[in-house]
């Protein structure tokens, strides 16, 4: 929860939840209209648990598993990109809809724009190559490294995938070890297994 949201909550003691959400929405719209909203975020429920989604005016910048809570994600965004972070769920509606369709097996790819601001250099090339692995298919770390321009950098590919700021949308779960072993996953191996089963790979 941001400082502004804490102030909102403390300033509306006993207010109905709907009133607080409406006030938060008005604040987000005002901040955006005045150029004060750099990062909009929303908390998203999913079959894999709570997710924190955030976007800049350029596109989705993170979709994180909130196993340690929402605040660590927001603090990282504030430190690395901008302190002007505000909860604005309406700005993430298209992502929420696409995620719902994906988990219901009605969507095979995501159409939302991506902001790669949290990823640089070779890691960005790795994630771009990973984003090209189609639904229901898999690639090895070596194959992704080759697509990114350095076949011998399989270990670096694994590191880049382990720090993927947008799992599910940038489908690092589709990258396996040579020989077909699942390998690691930023959200835990059971989530990787779930996603691969959802897509019909397992």
N, C-alpha and C. Protein backbone atom coordinates (compact mmCIF):
# COMPACT_ATOMS: atom_id res chain seq x y z
N UNK A 1 0.84 -1.18 0.00
CA UNK A 1 0.00 0.00 0.00
C UNK A 1 0.88 1.24 0.00
N UNK A 2 0.61 2.19 -0.90
CA UNK A 2 1.42 3.39 -0.99
C UNK A 2 1.09 4.36 0.14
N UNK A 3 1.97 5.35 0.35
CA UNK A 3 1.73 6.35 1.39
C UNK A 3 0.43 7.10 1.13
N UNK A 4 0.17 7.40 -0.13
CA UNK A 4 -1.05 8.13 -0.47
C UNK A 4 -2.28 7.31 -0.09
N UNK A 5 -2.22 6.00 -0.39
CA UNK A 5 -3.36 5.15 -0.05
C UNK A 5 -3.54 5.03 1.45
N UNK A 6 -2.43 4.99 2.20
CA UNK A 6 -2.54 4.97 3.66
C UNK A 6 -3.25 6.23 4.17
N UNK A 7 -2.87 7.36 3.57
CA UNK A 7 -3.52 8.61 3.96
C UNK A 7 -5.01 8.59 3.63
N UNK A 8 -5.33 8.05 2.46
CA UNK A 8 -6.73 7.94 2.07
C UNK A 8 -7.51 7.12 3.09
N UNK A 9 -6.95 5.96 3.46
CA UNK A 9 -7.64 5.08 4.40
C UNK A 9 -7.78 5.71 5.77
N UNK A 10 -6.74 6.38 6.23
CA UNK A 10 -6.81 7.01 7.55
C UNK A 10 -7.74 8.21 7.53
N UNK A 11 -7.90 8.82 6.36
CA UNK A 11 -8.77 9.99 6.26
C UNK A 11 -10.22 9.65 6.07
N UNK A 12 -10.52 8.38 5.88
CA UNK A 12 -11.90 7.95 5.68
C UNK A 12 -12.28 6.87 6.69
N UNK A 13 -12.17 7.17 8.00
CA UNK A 13 -12.48 6.15 8.98
C UNK A 13 -13.93 5.73 8.89
N UNK A 14 -14.14 4.43 8.85
CA UNK A 14 -15.49 3.91 8.81
C UNK A 14 -16.17 4.03 7.47
N UNK A 15 -15.46 4.51 6.46
CA UNK A 15 -16.07 4.67 5.14
C UNK A 15 -16.35 3.30 4.53
N UNK A 16 -17.41 3.24 3.77
CA UNK A 16 -17.76 2.00 3.09
C UNK A 16 -16.68 1.66 2.08
N UNK A 17 -16.41 0.35 1.84
CA UNK A 17 -15.37 -0.03 0.88
C UNK A 17 -15.57 0.60 -0.50
N UNK A 18 -16.81 0.70 -0.93
CA UNK A 18 -17.08 1.28 -2.24
C UNK A 18 -16.68 2.75 -2.30
N UNK A 19 -16.88 3.46 -1.19
CA UNK A 19 -16.50 4.88 -1.16
C UNK A 19 -14.99 5.03 -1.25
N UNK A 20 -14.27 4.15 -0.58
CA UNK A 20 -12.81 4.20 -0.62
C UNK A 20 -12.30 3.91 -2.02
N UNK A 21 -12.88 2.91 -2.69
CA UNK A 21 -12.47 2.57 -4.05
C UNK A 21 -12.77 3.72 -5.01
N UNK A 22 -13.93 4.36 -4.82
CA UNK A 22 -14.28 5.49 -5.68
C UNK A 22 -13.31 6.64 -5.48
N UNK A 23 -12.95 6.90 -4.22
CA UNK A 23 -11.99 7.97 -3.94
C UNK A 23 -10.63 7.65 -4.53
N UNK A 24 -10.23 6.39 -4.42
CA UNK A 24 -8.95 5.97 -4.98
C UNK A 24 -8.94 6.13 -6.50
N UNK A 25 -10.06 5.78 -7.13
CA UNK A 25 -10.18 5.91 -8.58
C UNK A 25 -10.08 7.38 -8.99
N UNK A 26 -10.77 8.26 -8.26
CA UNK A 26 -10.71 9.69 -8.58
C UNK A 26 -9.29 10.22 -8.42
N UNK A 27 -8.62 9.76 -7.36
CA UNK A 27 -7.25 10.20 -7.14
C UNK A 27 -6.34 9.73 -8.27
N UNK A 28 -6.50 8.49 -8.71
CA UNK A 28 -5.68 7.96 -9.80
C UNK A 28 -5.92 8.73 -11.08
N UNK A 29 -7.19 9.02 -11.38
CA UNK A 29 -7.50 9.76 -12.61
C UNK A 29 -6.94 11.18 -12.55
N UNK A 30 -7.04 11.80 -11.38
CA UNK A 30 -6.50 13.15 -11.23
C UNK A 30 -4.98 13.14 -11.38
N UNK A 31 -4.33 12.16 -10.74
CA UNK A 31 -2.88 12.06 -10.84
C UNK A 31 -2.45 11.84 -12.28
N UNK A 32 -3.18 10.99 -13.00
CA UNK A 32 -2.84 10.73 -14.40
C UNK A 32 -3.03 11.97 -15.26
N UNK A 33 -4.13 12.68 -15.04
CA UNK A 33 -4.41 13.87 -15.85
C UNK A 33 -3.38 14.97 -15.63
N UNK A 34 -2.77 14.98 -14.44
CA UNK A 34 -1.76 16.00 -14.14
C UNK A 34 -0.34 15.51 -14.35
N UNK A 35 -0.22 14.31 -14.94
CA UNK A 35 1.10 13.77 -15.24
C UNK A 35 1.86 13.30 -14.01
N UNK A 36 1.14 12.95 -12.95
CA UNK A 36 1.77 12.53 -11.70
C UNK A 36 1.72 11.03 -11.48
N UNK A 37 1.14 10.29 -12.41
CA UNK A 37 1.02 8.84 -12.26
C UNK A 37 1.96 8.16 -13.25
N UNK A 38 3.09 7.68 -12.76
CA UNK A 38 4.05 7.00 -13.62
C UNK A 38 3.76 5.51 -13.71
N UNK A 39 3.31 4.93 -12.60
CA UNK A 39 3.07 3.49 -12.54
C UNK A 39 1.72 3.23 -11.89
N UNK A 40 0.83 2.58 -12.62
CA UNK A 40 -0.47 2.15 -12.08
C UNK A 40 -0.38 0.67 -11.76
N UNK A 41 -0.92 0.29 -10.61
CA UNK A 41 -0.88 -1.13 -10.26
C UNK A 41 -2.24 -1.63 -9.83
N UNK A 42 -2.38 -2.95 -9.86
CA UNK A 42 -3.59 -3.61 -9.39
C UNK A 42 -3.21 -4.97 -8.81
N UNK A 43 -4.00 -5.40 -7.85
CA UNK A 43 -3.85 -6.74 -7.28
C UNK A 43 -4.84 -7.64 -8.01
N UNK A 44 -4.36 -8.75 -8.55
CA UNK A 44 -5.16 -9.62 -9.41
C UNK A 44 -5.22 -11.01 -8.80
N UNK A 45 -6.44 -11.53 -8.64
CA UNK A 45 -6.60 -12.91 -8.19
C UNK A 45 -6.46 -13.85 -9.38
N UNK A 46 -5.84 -15.00 -9.15
CA UNK A 46 -5.66 -15.97 -10.23
C UNK A 46 -5.64 -17.37 -9.63
N UNK A 47 -5.75 -18.40 -10.47
CA UNK A 47 -5.63 -19.78 -9.97
C UNK A 47 -4.26 -20.08 -9.36
N UNK A 48 -3.28 -19.23 -9.64
CA UNK A 48 -1.93 -19.42 -9.10
C UNK A 48 -1.67 -18.57 -7.86
N UNK A 49 -2.72 -17.93 -7.35
CA UNK A 49 -2.57 -17.07 -6.19
C UNK A 49 -2.63 -15.61 -6.59
N UNK A 50 -2.36 -14.75 -5.63
CA UNK A 50 -2.43 -13.31 -5.86
C UNK A 50 -1.25 -12.84 -6.70
N UNK A 51 -1.57 -12.00 -7.69
CA UNK A 51 -0.56 -11.41 -8.55
C UNK A 51 -0.60 -9.89 -8.39
N UNK A 52 0.54 -9.25 -8.56
CA UNK A 52 0.60 -7.79 -8.60
C UNK A 52 0.98 -7.40 -10.02
N UNK A 53 0.09 -6.67 -10.66
CA UNK A 53 0.33 -6.20 -12.02
C UNK A 53 0.56 -4.71 -11.99
N UNK A 54 1.52 -4.23 -12.77
CA UNK A 54 1.79 -2.80 -12.85
C UNK A 54 2.12 -2.42 -14.29
N UNK A 55 1.68 -1.23 -14.65
CA UNK A 55 1.95 -0.75 -16.00
C UNK A 55 2.37 0.71 -15.96
N UNK A 56 3.16 1.09 -16.94
CA UNK A 56 3.51 2.48 -17.18
C UNK A 56 2.71 2.93 -18.41
N UNK A 57 2.82 4.18 -18.82
CA UNK A 57 2.13 4.58 -20.05
C UNK A 57 2.57 3.77 -21.27
N UNK A 58 3.75 3.14 -21.22
CA UNK A 58 4.25 2.35 -22.36
C UNK A 58 3.72 0.93 -22.36
N UNK A 59 3.29 0.40 -21.23
CA UNK A 59 2.77 -0.95 -21.21
C UNK A 59 3.04 -1.66 -19.89
N UNK A 60 2.73 -2.95 -19.87
CA UNK A 60 2.92 -3.77 -18.67
C UNK A 60 4.40 -3.82 -18.31
N UNK A 61 4.72 -3.51 -17.05
CA UNK A 61 6.12 -3.50 -16.62
C UNK A 61 6.42 -4.65 -15.65
N UNK A 62 5.40 -5.13 -14.95
CA UNK A 62 5.61 -6.29 -14.09
C UNK A 62 4.30 -7.02 -13.83
N UNK A 63 4.41 -8.32 -13.67
CA UNK A 63 3.32 -9.18 -13.22
C UNK A 63 3.98 -10.16 -12.27
N UNK A 64 3.84 -9.92 -10.98
CA UNK A 64 4.62 -10.64 -9.97
C UNK A 64 3.73 -11.50 -9.09
N UNK A 65 4.25 -12.67 -8.70
CA UNK A 65 3.60 -13.46 -7.67
C UNK A 65 3.78 -12.74 -6.34
N UNK A 66 2.68 -12.57 -5.62
CA UNK A 66 2.72 -11.77 -4.39
C UNK A 66 2.88 -12.64 -3.16
N UNK A 67 3.76 -13.64 -3.24
CA UNK A 67 3.95 -14.55 -2.12
C UNK A 67 4.46 -13.83 -0.87
N UNK A 68 5.22 -12.77 -1.06
CA UNK A 68 5.75 -12.01 0.08
C UNK A 68 4.95 -10.74 0.32
N UNK A 69 3.80 -10.63 -0.30
CA UNK A 69 2.97 -9.45 -0.15
C UNK A 69 3.12 -8.49 -1.31
N UNK A 70 2.30 -7.47 -1.29
CA UNK A 70 2.28 -6.47 -2.36
C UNK A 70 3.40 -5.44 -2.18
N UNK A 71 3.66 -5.05 -0.95
CA UNK A 71 4.61 -3.95 -0.69
C UNK A 71 6.00 -4.17 -1.29
N UNK A 72 6.60 -5.36 -1.19
CA UNK A 72 7.93 -5.53 -1.79
C UNK A 72 7.96 -5.25 -3.30
N UNK A 73 6.89 -5.62 -3.99
CA UNK A 73 6.81 -5.36 -5.43
C UNK A 73 6.76 -3.85 -5.68
N UNK A 74 5.92 -3.16 -4.92
CA UNK A 74 5.78 -1.72 -5.10
C UNK A 74 7.06 -0.98 -4.73
N UNK A 75 7.72 -1.45 -3.68
CA UNK A 75 8.98 -0.81 -3.27
C UNK A 75 10.05 -0.95 -4.35
N UNK A 76 10.09 -2.13 -4.98
CA UNK A 76 11.07 -2.33 -6.06
C UNK A 76 10.76 -1.42 -7.24
N UNK A 77 9.49 -1.29 -7.59
CA UNK A 77 9.12 -0.41 -8.69
C UNK A 77 9.47 1.05 -8.37
N UNK A 78 9.20 1.45 -7.14
CA UNK A 78 9.50 2.83 -6.73
C UNK A 78 11.00 3.09 -6.77
N UNK A 79 11.80 2.11 -6.35
CA UNK A 79 13.25 2.29 -6.31
C UNK A 79 13.86 2.26 -7.71
N UNK A 80 13.34 1.40 -8.58
CA UNK A 80 13.98 1.22 -9.88
C UNK A 80 13.41 2.11 -10.98
N UNK A 81 12.14 2.51 -10.86
CA UNK A 81 11.52 3.27 -11.95
C UNK A 81 11.03 4.64 -11.53
N UNK A 82 10.13 4.69 -10.54
CA UNK A 82 9.57 5.97 -10.12
C UNK A 82 8.82 5.79 -8.81
N UNK A 83 8.90 6.76 -7.91
CA UNK A 83 8.11 6.68 -6.67
C UNK A 83 6.64 7.00 -6.88
N UNK A 84 6.28 7.45 -8.08
CA UNK A 84 4.89 7.81 -8.33
C UNK A 84 4.10 6.58 -8.76
N UNK A 85 3.80 5.74 -7.77
CA UNK A 85 3.09 4.47 -7.96
C UNK A 85 1.75 4.59 -7.27
N UNK A 86 0.68 4.24 -7.96
CA UNK A 86 -0.65 4.38 -7.37
C UNK A 86 -1.54 3.23 -7.82
N UNK A 87 -2.36 2.74 -6.91
CA UNK A 87 -3.31 1.69 -7.26
C UNK A 87 -4.37 2.27 -8.19
N UNK A 88 -4.47 1.69 -9.37
CA UNK A 88 -5.43 2.16 -10.39
C UNK A 88 -5.90 0.95 -11.19
N UNK A 89 -6.76 0.12 -10.58
CA UNK A 89 -7.15 -1.15 -11.22
C UNK A 89 -7.73 -1.00 -12.62
N UNK A 90 -8.44 0.10 -12.87
CA UNK A 90 -9.06 0.27 -14.19
C UNK A 90 -8.02 0.28 -15.30
N UNK A 91 -6.81 0.73 -14.99
CA UNK A 91 -5.76 0.79 -16.01
C UNK A 91 -5.17 -0.59 -16.31
N UNK A 92 -5.54 -1.58 -15.51
CA UNK A 92 -5.07 -2.95 -15.75
C UNK A 92 -6.23 -3.87 -16.16
N UNK A 93 -7.37 -3.30 -16.51
CA UNK A 93 -8.54 -4.12 -16.87
C UNK A 93 -8.27 -5.03 -18.05
N UNK A 94 -7.57 -4.54 -19.07
CA UNK A 94 -7.33 -5.38 -20.26
C UNK A 94 -6.45 -6.57 -19.89
N UNK A 95 -5.46 -6.35 -19.04
CA UNK A 95 -4.62 -7.47 -18.60
C UNK A 95 -5.45 -8.47 -17.81
N UNK A 96 -6.27 -7.99 -16.89
CA UNK A 96 -7.10 -8.88 -16.08
C UNK A 96 -8.01 -9.74 -16.97
N UNK A 97 -8.60 -9.10 -17.99
CA UNK A 97 -9.47 -9.83 -18.91
C UNK A 97 -8.68 -10.89 -19.68
N UNK A 98 -7.49 -10.53 -20.17
CA UNK A 98 -6.69 -11.49 -20.93
C UNK A 98 -6.22 -12.65 -20.04
N UNK A 99 -5.88 -12.36 -18.80
CA UNK A 99 -5.49 -13.43 -17.88
C UNK A 99 -6.66 -14.38 -17.62
N UNK A 100 -7.85 -13.82 -17.41
CA UNK A 100 -9.04 -14.67 -17.20
C UNK A 100 -9.25 -15.59 -18.40
N UNK A 101 -9.13 -15.02 -19.60
CA UNK A 101 -9.32 -15.83 -20.81
C UNK A 101 -8.24 -16.90 -20.93
N UNK A 102 -7.02 -16.55 -20.58
CA UNK A 102 -5.93 -17.52 -20.64
C UNK A 102 -6.19 -18.69 -19.68
N UNK A 103 -6.54 -18.40 -18.45
CA UNK A 103 -6.75 -19.46 -17.46
C UNK A 103 -8.00 -20.29 -17.78
N UNK A 104 -8.91 -19.72 -18.57
CA UNK A 104 -10.09 -20.47 -19.01
C UNK A 104 -9.84 -21.19 -20.34
N UNK A 105 -8.60 -21.18 -20.81
CA UNK A 105 -8.18 -21.81 -22.07
C UNK A 105 -8.88 -21.20 -23.29
N UNK A 106 -9.24 -19.93 -23.20
CA UNK A 106 -9.85 -19.23 -24.34
C UNK A 106 -8.88 -18.28 -25.00
N UNK A 107 -7.66 -18.17 -24.49
CA UNK A 107 -6.64 -17.29 -25.05
C UNK A 107 -5.31 -18.02 -25.09
N UNK A 108 -4.61 -17.91 -26.23
CA UNK A 108 -3.34 -18.60 -26.40
C UNK A 108 -2.14 -17.64 -26.43
N UNK A 109 -2.41 -16.34 -26.55
CA UNK A 109 -1.33 -15.35 -26.52
C UNK A 109 -1.88 -14.05 -25.95
N UNK A 110 -0.98 -13.20 -25.47
CA UNK A 110 -1.37 -11.94 -24.87
C UNK A 110 -1.13 -10.80 -25.85
N UNK A 111 -2.08 -9.87 -25.87
CA UNK A 111 -2.01 -8.75 -26.82
C UNK A 111 -1.58 -7.45 -26.18
N UNK A 112 -1.38 -7.44 -24.88
CA UNK A 112 -1.05 -6.19 -24.19
C UNK A 112 0.36 -5.74 -24.54
N UNK A 113 0.55 -4.42 -24.51
CA UNK A 113 1.88 -3.86 -24.76
C UNK A 113 2.77 -4.09 -23.55
N UNK A 114 4.06 -4.21 -23.80
CA UNK A 114 5.03 -4.48 -22.74
C UNK A 114 6.03 -3.34 -22.65
N UNK A 115 6.33 -2.94 -21.44
CA UNK A 115 7.39 -1.98 -21.17
C UNK A 115 8.56 -2.77 -20.57
N UNK A 116 9.68 -2.82 -21.28
CA UNK A 116 10.83 -3.62 -20.87
C UNK A 116 11.77 -2.86 -19.93
N UNK A 117 11.29 -1.82 -19.27
CA UNK A 117 12.16 -0.94 -18.49
C UNK A 117 12.95 -1.65 -17.39
N UNK A 118 12.45 -2.78 -16.88
CA UNK A 118 13.14 -3.49 -15.80
C UNK A 118 14.17 -4.48 -16.31
N UNK A 119 14.30 -4.61 -17.63
CA UNK A 119 15.19 -5.62 -18.20
C UNK A 119 16.11 -4.97 -19.22
N UNK A 120 17.39 -5.33 -19.18
CA UNK A 120 18.36 -4.71 -20.08
C UNK A 120 19.24 -5.77 -20.76
N UNK A 121 19.88 -5.36 -21.84
CA UNK A 121 20.92 -6.15 -22.47
C UNK A 121 20.50 -7.54 -22.90
N UNK A 122 21.40 -8.50 -22.61
CA UNK A 122 21.16 -9.89 -23.04
C UNK A 122 19.91 -10.46 -22.39
N UNK A 123 19.62 -10.08 -21.15
CA UNK A 123 18.42 -10.58 -20.48
C UNK A 123 17.17 -10.18 -21.24
N UNK A 124 17.18 -8.98 -21.77
CA UNK A 124 16.01 -8.54 -22.55
C UNK A 124 15.88 -9.37 -23.82
N UNK A 125 16.99 -9.67 -24.46
CA UNK A 125 16.94 -10.50 -25.68
C UNK A 125 16.43 -11.91 -25.35
N UNK A 126 16.86 -12.43 -24.20
CA UNK A 126 16.38 -13.75 -23.77
C UNK A 126 14.87 -13.73 -23.58
N UNK A 127 14.37 -12.72 -22.89
CA UNK A 127 12.93 -12.66 -22.63
C UNK A 127 12.14 -12.41 -23.91
N UNK A 128 12.70 -11.63 -24.83
CA UNK A 128 12.03 -11.43 -26.12
C UNK A 128 11.94 -12.75 -26.89
N UNK A 129 13.02 -13.55 -26.84
CA UNK A 129 13.00 -14.86 -27.49
C UNK A 129 12.00 -15.79 -26.81
N UNK A 130 11.92 -15.69 -25.50
CA UNK A 130 10.97 -16.52 -24.74
C UNK A 130 9.53 -16.15 -25.09
N UNK A 131 9.28 -14.85 -25.26
CA UNK A 131 7.93 -14.39 -25.61
C UNK A 131 7.47 -14.96 -26.95
N UNK A 132 8.42 -15.39 -27.79
CA UNK A 132 8.07 -15.93 -29.10
C UNK A 132 7.77 -17.43 -29.07
N UNK A 133 7.98 -18.11 -27.93
CA UNK A 133 7.67 -19.54 -27.83
C UNK A 133 6.16 -19.68 -27.76
N UNK A 134 5.54 -20.38 -28.73
CA UNK A 134 4.07 -20.41 -28.79
C UNK A 134 3.43 -21.20 -27.66
N UNK A 135 2.18 -20.91 -27.42
CA UNK A 135 1.33 -21.65 -26.49
C UNK A 135 1.37 -23.13 -26.83
N UNK A 136 1.53 -23.97 -25.82
CA UNK A 136 1.52 -25.42 -26.02
C UNK A 136 2.82 -25.99 -26.53
N UNK A 137 3.85 -25.15 -26.68
CA UNK A 137 5.16 -25.62 -27.12
C UNK A 137 6.20 -25.25 -26.07
N UNK A 138 7.37 -25.89 -26.16
CA UNK A 138 8.45 -25.60 -25.22
C UNK A 138 9.75 -25.43 -25.97
N UNK A 139 10.72 -24.83 -25.30
CA UNK A 139 12.07 -24.67 -25.84
C UNK A 139 13.04 -24.96 -24.71
N UNK A 140 14.29 -25.27 -25.07
CA UNK A 140 15.32 -25.48 -24.05
C UNK A 140 16.02 -24.16 -23.77
N UNK A 141 16.74 -24.13 -22.65
CA UNK A 141 17.53 -22.94 -22.32
C UNK A 141 18.51 -22.64 -23.45
N UNK A 142 19.12 -23.68 -24.02
CA UNK A 142 20.08 -23.48 -25.10
C UNK A 142 19.40 -22.90 -26.35
N UNK A 143 18.21 -23.38 -26.66
CA UNK A 143 17.49 -22.86 -27.83
C UNK A 143 17.12 -21.39 -27.66
N UNK A 144 16.72 -21.02 -26.46
CA UNK A 144 16.38 -19.62 -26.20
C UNK A 144 17.64 -18.76 -26.28
N UNK A 145 18.75 -19.28 -25.72
CA UNK A 145 20.02 -18.55 -25.79
C UNK A 145 20.44 -18.36 -27.25
N UNK A 146 20.27 -19.40 -28.08
CA UNK A 146 20.61 -19.28 -29.50
C UNK A 146 19.76 -18.22 -30.17
N UNK A 147 18.46 -18.21 -29.87
CA UNK A 147 17.57 -17.21 -30.47
C UNK A 147 17.94 -15.80 -30.03
N UNK A 148 18.55 -15.69 -28.84
CA UNK A 148 18.97 -14.38 -28.34
C UNK A 148 20.36 -13.99 -28.82
N UNK A 149 21.02 -14.90 -29.55
CA UNK A 149 22.30 -14.54 -30.16
C UNK A 149 23.53 -15.18 -29.57
N UNK A 150 23.40 -16.09 -28.58
CA UNK A 150 24.57 -16.72 -27.99
C UNK A 150 24.20 -18.10 -27.46
N UNK A 151 24.36 -19.11 -28.31
CA UNK A 151 23.94 -20.47 -27.96
C UNK A 151 24.63 -20.99 -26.71
N UNK A 152 25.84 -20.53 -26.43
CA UNK A 152 26.61 -21.05 -25.29
C UNK A 152 26.23 -20.38 -23.97
N UNK A 153 25.28 -19.47 -24.01
CA UNK A 153 24.91 -18.73 -22.80
C UNK A 153 23.66 -19.31 -22.14
N UNK A 154 23.56 -20.64 -22.10
CA UNK A 154 22.38 -21.26 -21.51
C UNK A 154 22.23 -20.92 -20.03
N UNK A 155 23.35 -20.84 -19.32
CA UNK A 155 23.26 -20.50 -17.89
C UNK A 155 22.78 -19.05 -17.71
N UNK A 156 23.30 -18.15 -18.52
CA UNK A 156 22.84 -16.76 -18.46
C UNK A 156 21.36 -16.67 -18.82
N UNK A 157 20.93 -17.53 -19.75
CA UNK A 157 19.51 -17.56 -20.10
C UNK A 157 18.68 -17.97 -18.89
N UNK A 158 19.16 -18.98 -18.16
CA UNK A 158 18.46 -19.41 -16.96
C UNK A 158 18.36 -18.29 -15.93
N UNK A 159 19.43 -17.54 -15.76
CA UNK A 159 19.41 -16.41 -14.82
C UNK A 159 18.41 -15.35 -15.25
N UNK A 160 18.39 -15.05 -16.55
CA UNK A 160 17.44 -14.04 -17.05
C UNK A 160 16.00 -14.49 -16.85
N UNK A 161 15.76 -15.76 -17.11
CA UNK A 161 14.40 -16.28 -16.95
C UNK A 161 13.99 -16.31 -15.48
N UNK A 162 14.97 -16.56 -14.59
CA UNK A 162 14.68 -16.58 -13.17
C UNK A 162 14.31 -15.22 -12.62
N UNK A 163 14.70 -14.16 -13.32
CA UNK A 163 14.36 -12.80 -12.86
C UNK A 163 13.35 -12.13 -13.79
N UNK A 164 12.63 -12.93 -14.55
CA UNK A 164 11.60 -12.43 -15.46
C UNK A 164 10.56 -11.62 -14.67
N UNK A 165 10.40 -10.32 -14.98
CA UNK A 165 9.43 -9.53 -14.23
C UNK A 165 7.98 -9.74 -14.65
N UNK A 166 7.77 -10.51 -15.73
CA UNK A 166 6.40 -10.70 -16.23
C UNK A 166 6.08 -12.15 -16.53
N UNK A 167 6.21 -13.06 -15.53
CA UNK A 167 5.87 -14.45 -15.81
C UNK A 167 4.42 -14.55 -16.29
N UNK A 168 4.13 -15.63 -16.96
CA UNK A 168 2.84 -15.93 -17.60
C UNK A 168 2.75 -15.17 -18.91
N UNK A 169 2.82 -13.84 -18.88
CA UNK A 169 2.72 -13.05 -20.11
C UNK A 169 3.98 -13.26 -20.96
N UNK A 170 5.15 -13.17 -20.35
CA UNK A 170 6.39 -13.58 -21.01
C UNK A 170 6.65 -14.99 -20.49
N UNK A 171 6.32 -16.01 -21.29
CA UNK A 171 6.10 -17.38 -20.78
C UNK A 171 7.38 -18.17 -20.48
N UNK A 172 8.10 -17.76 -19.44
CA UNK A 172 9.32 -18.48 -19.07
C UNK A 172 9.02 -19.91 -18.62
N UNK A 173 7.76 -20.21 -18.30
CA UNK A 173 7.40 -21.59 -17.94
C UNK A 173 7.54 -22.54 -19.13
N UNK A 174 7.63 -22.01 -20.33
CA UNK A 174 7.77 -22.86 -21.52
C UNK A 174 9.22 -23.22 -21.83
N UNK A 175 10.14 -22.79 -21.00
CA UNK A 175 11.55 -23.09 -21.23
C UNK A 175 11.98 -24.18 -20.25
N UNK A 176 12.48 -25.29 -20.82
CA UNK A 176 12.85 -26.47 -20.03
C UNK A 176 14.34 -26.77 -20.18
N UNK A 177 14.82 -27.61 -19.31
CA UNK A 177 16.20 -28.09 -19.46
C UNK A 177 16.29 -29.02 -20.67
N UNK A 178 17.50 -29.15 -21.19
CA UNK A 178 17.73 -30.12 -22.27
C UNK A 178 17.34 -31.50 -21.75
N UNK A 179 16.64 -32.25 -22.58
CA UNK A 179 16.17 -33.57 -22.15
C UNK A 179 14.76 -33.53 -21.60
N UNK A 180 14.20 -32.33 -21.40
CA UNK A 180 12.80 -32.22 -21.01
C UNK A 180 12.53 -32.03 -19.53
N UNK A 181 13.57 -32.03 -18.67
CA UNK A 181 13.35 -31.78 -17.25
C UNK A 181 12.81 -30.36 -17.09
N UNK A 182 11.93 -30.18 -16.10
CA UNK A 182 11.26 -28.89 -15.96
C UNK A 182 12.20 -27.74 -15.67
N UNK A 183 13.25 -27.97 -14.89
CA UNK A 183 14.13 -26.87 -14.50
C UNK A 183 13.46 -26.01 -13.45
N UNK A 184 13.97 -24.81 -13.22
CA UNK A 184 13.44 -23.94 -12.19
C UNK A 184 12.34 -23.03 -12.70
N UNK A 185 11.77 -22.27 -11.78
CA UNK A 185 10.73 -21.31 -12.13
C UNK A 185 10.60 -20.32 -11.00
N UNK A 186 10.49 -19.04 -11.35
CA UNK A 186 10.46 -17.98 -10.35
C UNK A 186 9.29 -18.12 -9.37
N UNK A 187 8.20 -18.71 -9.81
CA UNK A 187 7.04 -18.87 -8.93
C UNK A 187 6.97 -20.23 -8.27
N UNK A 188 8.00 -21.05 -8.47
CA UNK A 188 7.97 -22.40 -7.89
C UNK A 188 7.58 -23.42 -8.93
N UNK A 189 8.12 -24.61 -8.76
CA UNK A 189 7.95 -25.66 -9.77
C UNK A 189 6.50 -26.10 -9.95
N UNK A 190 5.69 -26.02 -8.87
CA UNK A 190 4.28 -26.44 -8.99
C UNK A 190 3.50 -25.48 -9.89
N UNK A 191 3.85 -24.21 -9.83
CA UNK A 191 3.18 -23.26 -10.74
C UNK A 191 3.60 -23.52 -12.19
N UNK A 192 4.85 -23.84 -12.39
CA UNK A 192 5.31 -24.16 -13.74
C UNK A 192 4.57 -25.39 -14.26
N UNK A 193 4.45 -26.39 -13.41
CA UNK A 193 3.74 -27.61 -13.81
C UNK A 193 2.28 -27.29 -14.14
N UNK A 194 1.64 -26.44 -13.32
CA UNK A 194 0.25 -26.05 -13.56
C UNK A 194 0.10 -25.40 -14.94
N UNK A 195 0.99 -24.44 -15.25
CA UNK A 195 0.89 -23.72 -16.51
C UNK A 195 1.12 -24.63 -17.71
N UNK A 196 2.08 -25.53 -17.60
CA UNK A 196 2.36 -26.45 -18.70
C UNK A 196 1.21 -27.45 -18.87
N UNK A 197 0.58 -27.82 -17.78
CA UNK A 197 -0.59 -28.70 -17.87
C UNK A 197 -1.77 -27.96 -18.50
N UNK A 198 -1.96 -26.71 -18.09
CA UNK A 198 -3.02 -25.88 -18.67
C UNK A 198 -2.87 -25.79 -20.19
N UNK A 199 -1.62 -25.69 -20.65
CA UNK A 199 -1.35 -25.52 -22.08
C UNK A 199 -1.26 -26.86 -22.83
N UNK A 200 -1.42 -27.96 -22.10
CA UNK A 200 -1.43 -29.27 -22.75
C UNK A 200 -0.07 -29.86 -23.01
N UNK A 201 0.99 -29.28 -22.43
CA UNK A 201 2.33 -29.81 -22.62
C UNK A 201 2.55 -31.04 -21.75
N UNK A 202 2.04 -30.99 -20.52
CA UNK A 202 2.14 -32.14 -19.60
C UNK A 202 0.82 -32.87 -19.56
